[in-house]
Amino acid sequence: MNLESFLLLALILFSLGLYAVMSRRNMIAILIGIELMLNAASLNFMAFNRFLPVEDPTVGQIFVLFIIGLAAAEVAIALSIILIVYRQRKRIDVDDITELKG
């Protein structure tokens, strides 16, 4: 496989994630879409790390590790918020969160 095929796969993953975030009202589906977009970014970092000459070959891997850590923290916080909203409202639609403002 070459760089273009990895970038095409990352574009498809990112597009699917963006579609899930923009079209869904369910918070878990939105969370899955965000995870797909983060995976697409990770795939891009690893593809560029593999196919482009860089001074330090571990730069892409370090970025991917940071993305994985960020994704794990995001999932932990988002799932706890989703559980709290579900316990209070018995629904996990995004419209319910807008009512929590005031």
Protein backbone atom coordinates (compact mmCIF):
# COMPACT_ATOMS: atom_id res chain seq x y z
CA MET A 1 0.00 0.00 0.00
CA ASN A 2 1.15 3.52 -0.70
CA LEU A 3 0.56 6.86 1.03
CA GLU A 4 -2.44 7.76 -1.13
CA SER A 5 -4.35 4.63 -0.16
CA PHE A 6 -3.79 5.32 3.54
CA LEU A 7 -4.92 8.92 3.08
CA LEU A 8 -8.01 7.76 1.20
CA LEU A 9 -8.88 5.35 4.01
CA ALA A 10 -8.37 8.13 6.57
CA LEU A 11 -10.59 10.44 4.51
CA ILE A 12 -13.35 7.83 4.44
CA LEU A 13 -13.06 7.28 8.21
CA PHE A 14 -13.09 11.01 8.91
CA SER A 15 -16.07 11.55 6.60
CA LEU A 16 -18.04 8.78 8.29
CA GLY A 17 -17.22 10.24 11.68
CA LEU A 18 -18.22 13.74 10.61
CA TYR A 19 -21.48 12.42 9.19
CA ALA A 20 -22.21 10.62 12.46
CA VAL A 21 -21.53 13.76 14.49
CA MET A 22 -23.58 16.04 12.27
CA SER A 23 -26.58 13.81 11.62
CA ARG A 24 -27.18 11.99 14.91
CA ARG A 25 -29.05 13.17 17.96
CA ASN A 26 -27.98 10.27 20.17
CA MET A 27 -24.97 11.15 22.32
CA ILE A 28 -23.38 7.71 22.02
CA ALA A 29 -23.54 7.86 18.22
CA ILE A 30 -21.91 11.30 18.35
CA LEU A 31 -19.20 9.91 20.62
CA ILE A 32 -18.53 7.09 18.16
CA GLY A 33 -18.28 9.64 15.34
CA ILE A 34 -15.69 11.64 17.29
CA GLU A 35 -13.72 8.45 17.88
CA LEU A 36 -13.75 7.71 14.14
CA MET A 37 -12.39 11.18 13.42
CA LEU A 38 -9.61 10.74 15.98
CA ASN A 39 -8.72 7.36 14.44
CA ALA A 40 -8.52 8.99 11.02
CA ALA A 41 -6.11 11.58 12.39
CA SER A 42 -4.02 8.83 13.96
CA LEU A 43 -3.93 6.95 10.68
CA ASN A 44 -2.72 10.09 8.91
CA PHE A 45 0.09 10.59 11.44
CA MET A 46 1.24 7.01 11.08
CA ALA A 47 1.04 7.07 7.28
CA PHE A 48 3.07 10.27 7.05
CA ASN A 49 5.51 8.89 9.58
CA ARG A 50 5.97 5.76 7.46
CA PHE A 51 6.19 7.26 3.99
CA LEU A 52 7.84 10.66 4.44
CA PRO A 53 11.45 11.10 5.48
CA VAL A 54 11.68 12.64 8.93
CA GLU A 55 14.60 13.24 11.25
CA ASP A 56 13.06 11.37 14.17
CA PRO A 57 11.03 8.32 13.06
CA THR A 58 9.08 8.18 16.33
CA VAL A 59 7.35 11.56 15.98
CA GLY A 60 4.21 10.11 14.39
CA GLN A 61 4.03 7.36 16.97
CA ILE A 62 4.27 9.86 19.82
CA PHE A 63 1.43 11.92 18.33
CA VAL A 64 -0.69 8.78 18.00
CA LEU A 65 -0.04 7.88 21.64
CA PHE A 66 -1.21 11.35 22.68
CA ILE A 67 -4.32 10.96 20.53
CA ILE A 68 -5.07 7.59 22.12
CA GLY A 69 -4.69 9.08 25.59
CA LEU A 70 -6.90 12.02 24.66
CA ALA A 71 -9.53 9.67 23.24
CA ALA A 72 -9.53 7.56 26.41
CA ALA A 73 -9.99 10.63 28.61
CA GLU A 74 -12.70 11.96 26.31
CA VAL A 75 -14.60 8.67 26.42
CA ALA A 76 -14.41 8.47 30.20
CA ILE A 77 -15.75 12.00 30.69
CA ALA A 78 -18.36 11.78 27.93
CA LEU A 79 -19.73 8.44 29.15
CA SER A 80 -20.05 9.76 32.68
CA ILE A 81 -21.97 12.78 31.38
CA ILE A 82 -24.17 10.50 29.27
CA LEU A 83 -24.93 8.32 32.31
CA ILE A 84 -25.89 11.35 34.39
CA VAL A 85 -28.16 12.68 31.65
CA TYR A 86 -29.75 9.26 31.21
CA ARG A 87 -30.41 8.89 34.94
CA GLN A 88 -32.10 12.28 35.08
CA ARG A 89 -33.98 12.32 31.77
CA LYS A 90 -34.27 8.63 30.75
CA ARG A 91 -33.14 9.73 27.27
CA ILE A 92 -29.74 10.55 25.79
CA ASP A 93 -30.68 12.96 23.04
CA VAL A 94 -28.56 16.03 22.47
CA ASP A 95 -31.63 18.24 22.87
CA ASP A 96 -31.81 17.24 26.54
CA ILE A 97 -28.38 18.72 27.23
CA THR A 98 -29.39 22.14 25.96
CA GLU A 99 -32.02 22.22 28.72
CA LEU A 100 -29.30 21.85 31.35
CA LYS A 101 -27.90 25.34 30.64
CA GLY A 102 -30.14 27.31 32.95
